[in-house]
Amino acid sequence: MPIPFNIGDIVKTKKSHPCGGDQWEVVRTGADFRIKCLKCEHQAWISRPKFEKSVKKIIKRAEPEQTNDIEA
């Protein structure tokens, strides 16, 4: 079962980015993730399995996005 991540989550990775940063913000979720390095602002696309393996811990959880369900 996939680990639930939300847009805006801040995660720490096992390996650091070449700039030296190891904290990333989740910008897009789904089958592929888009993440942004908080040190140099570089963005990268990464597959969900590879992303889940590389995350060491979740530093800050963002609120899950709310869906506007219209009751009929």
C-alpha atoms as a PDB file:
ATOM      1  CA  MET A   1       0.000   0.000   0.000  1.00  0.00           C
ATOM      2  CA  PRO A   2       1.453   3.394  -0.963  1.00  0.00           C
ATOM      3  CA  ILE A   3       2.469   5.822   1.761  1.00  0.00           C
ATOM      4  CA  PRO A   4       0.131   8.851   1.698  1.00  0.00           C
ATOM      5  CA  PHE A   5       1.958  12.055   0.730  1.00  0.00           C
ATOM      6  CA  ASN A   6       0.345  15.453   0.226  1.00  0.00           C
ATOM      7  CA  ILE A   7       1.344  18.434  -1.847  1.00  0.00           C
ATOM      8  CA  GLY A   8       3.380  20.720   0.410  1.00  0.00           C
ATOM      9  CA  ASP A   9       4.908  17.966   2.575  1.00  0.00           C
ATOM     10  CA  ILE A  10       8.566  18.554   3.470  1.00  0.00           C
ATOM     11  CA  VAL A  11      10.651  15.357   3.469  1.00  0.00           C
ATOM     12  CA  LYS A  12      14.246  14.479   4.316  1.00  0.00           C
ATOM     13  CA  THR A  13      15.989  12.058   1.952  1.00  0.00           C
ATOM     14  CA  LYS A  14      18.608   9.405   2.671  1.00  0.00           C
ATOM     15  CA  LYS A  15      21.031  10.903   0.141  1.00  0.00           C
ATOM     16  CA  SER A  16      21.658  14.604  -0.299  1.00  0.00           C
ATOM     17  CA  HIS A  17      21.290  16.573  -3.523  1.00  0.00           C
ATOM     18  CA  PRO A  18      24.568  17.667  -5.211  1.00  0.00           C
ATOM     19  CA  CYS A  19      23.995  21.172  -3.797  1.00  0.00           C
ATOM     20  CA  GLY A  20      24.173  19.689  -0.290  1.00  0.00           C
ATOM     21  CA  GLY A  21      20.476  19.939   0.553  1.00  0.00           C
ATOM     22  CA  ASP A  22      18.522  16.917   1.756  1.00  0.00           C
ATOM     23  CA  GLN A  23      15.126  18.525   2.329  1.00  0.00           C
ATOM     24  CA  TRP A  24      12.533  18.504  -0.433  1.00  0.00           C
ATOM     25  CA  GLU A  25       9.006  19.847  -0.867  1.00  0.00           C
ATOM     26  CA  VAL A  26       6.434  17.645  -2.606  1.00  0.00           C
ATOM     27  CA  VAL A  27       5.031  19.685  -5.511  1.00  0.00           C
ATOM     28  CA  ARG A  28       3.018  16.971  -7.305  1.00  0.00           C
ATOM     29  CA  THR A  29       1.830  13.502  -6.313  1.00  0.00           C
ATOM     30  CA  GLY A  30       0.575  10.495  -8.239  1.00  0.00           C
ATOM     31  CA  ALA A  31       2.386   7.694 -10.068  1.00  0.00           C
ATOM     32  CA  ASP A  32       5.292  10.131 -10.423  1.00  0.00           C
ATOM     33  CA  PHE A  33       6.278  12.813  -7.932  1.00  0.00           C
ATOM     34  CA  ARG A  34       7.676  16.261  -8.626  1.00  0.00           C
ATOM     35  CA  ILE A  35       9.851  17.441  -5.766  1.00  0.00           C
ATOM     36  CA  LYS A  36      11.697  20.712  -5.161  1.00  0.00           C
ATOM     37  CA  CYS A  37      15.006  21.044  -3.320  1.00  0.00           C
ATOM     38  CA  LEU A  38      14.596  23.613  -0.542  1.00  0.00           C
ATOM     39  CA  LYS A  39      18.233  24.711  -0.780  1.00  0.00           C
ATOM     40  CA  CYS A  40      18.687  25.398  -4.505  1.00  0.00           C
ATOM     41  CA  GLU A  41      15.040  25.315  -5.750  1.00  0.00           C
ATOM     42  CA  HIS A  42      15.879  22.585  -8.334  1.00  0.00           C
ATOM     43  CA  GLN A  43      12.844  20.485  -9.306  1.00  0.00           C
ATOM     44  CA  ALA A  44      12.974  16.811 -10.238  1.00  0.00           C
ATOM     45  CA  TRP A  45      10.519  14.135 -11.392  1.00  0.00           C
ATOM     46  CA  ILE A  46      10.816  10.791  -9.599  1.00  0.00           C
ATOM     47  CA  SER A  47       8.711   7.615  -9.673  1.00  0.00           C
ATOM     48  CA  ARG A  48       6.607   6.778  -6.605  1.00  0.00           C
ATOM     49  CA  PRO A  49       8.524   3.592  -5.647  1.00  0.00           C
ATOM     50  CA  LYS A  50      11.903   5.335  -5.939  1.00  0.00           C
ATOM     51  CA  PHE A  51      10.618   8.357  -3.984  1.00  0.00           C
ATOM     52  CA  GLU A  52       9.181   6.203  -1.179  1.00  0.00           C
ATOM     53  CA  LYS A  53      12.499   4.329  -0.845  1.00  0.00           C
ATOM     54  CA  SER A  54      14.530   7.554  -0.737  1.00  0.00           C
ATOM     55  CA  VAL A  55      12.489   9.274   2.012  1.00  0.00           C
ATOM     56  CA  LYS A  56      14.153   9.046   5.419  1.00  0.00           C
ATOM     57  CA  LYS A  57      11.463  10.948   7.333  1.00  0.00           C
ATOM     58  CA  ILE A  58       8.643  13.428   6.891  1.00  0.00           C
ATOM     59  CA  ILE A  59       9.654  16.721   8.496  1.00  0.00           C
ATOM     60  CA  LYS A  60       6.399  18.645   8.001  1.00  0.00           C
ATOM     61  CA  ARG A  61       3.019  17.346   6.942  1.00  0.00           C
ATOM     62  CA  ALA A  62       0.803  19.575   4.832  1.00  0.00           C
ATOM     63  CA  GLU A  63      -2.962  19.477   5.141  1.00  0.00           C
ATOM     64  CA  PRO A  64      -4.548  17.053   2.654  1.00  0.00           C
ATOM     65  CA  GLU A  65      -6.297  18.760  -0.225  1.00  0.00           C
ATOM     66  CA  GLN A  66     -10.019  19.100   0.274  1.00  0.00           C
ATOM     67  CA  THR A  67     -12.421  18.062  -2.465  1.00  0.00           C
ATOM     68  CA  ASN A  68     -15.531  20.132  -2.949  1.00  0.00           C
ATOM     69  CA  ASP A  69     -18.257  17.496  -2.989  1.00  0.00           C
ATOM     70  CA  ILE A  70     -21.583  18.963  -4.000  1.00  0.00           C
ATOM     71  CA  GLU A  71     -24.514  17.183  -2.463  1.00  0.00           C
ATOM     72  CA  ALA A  72     -27.431  16.782  -4.821  1.00  0.00           C
END
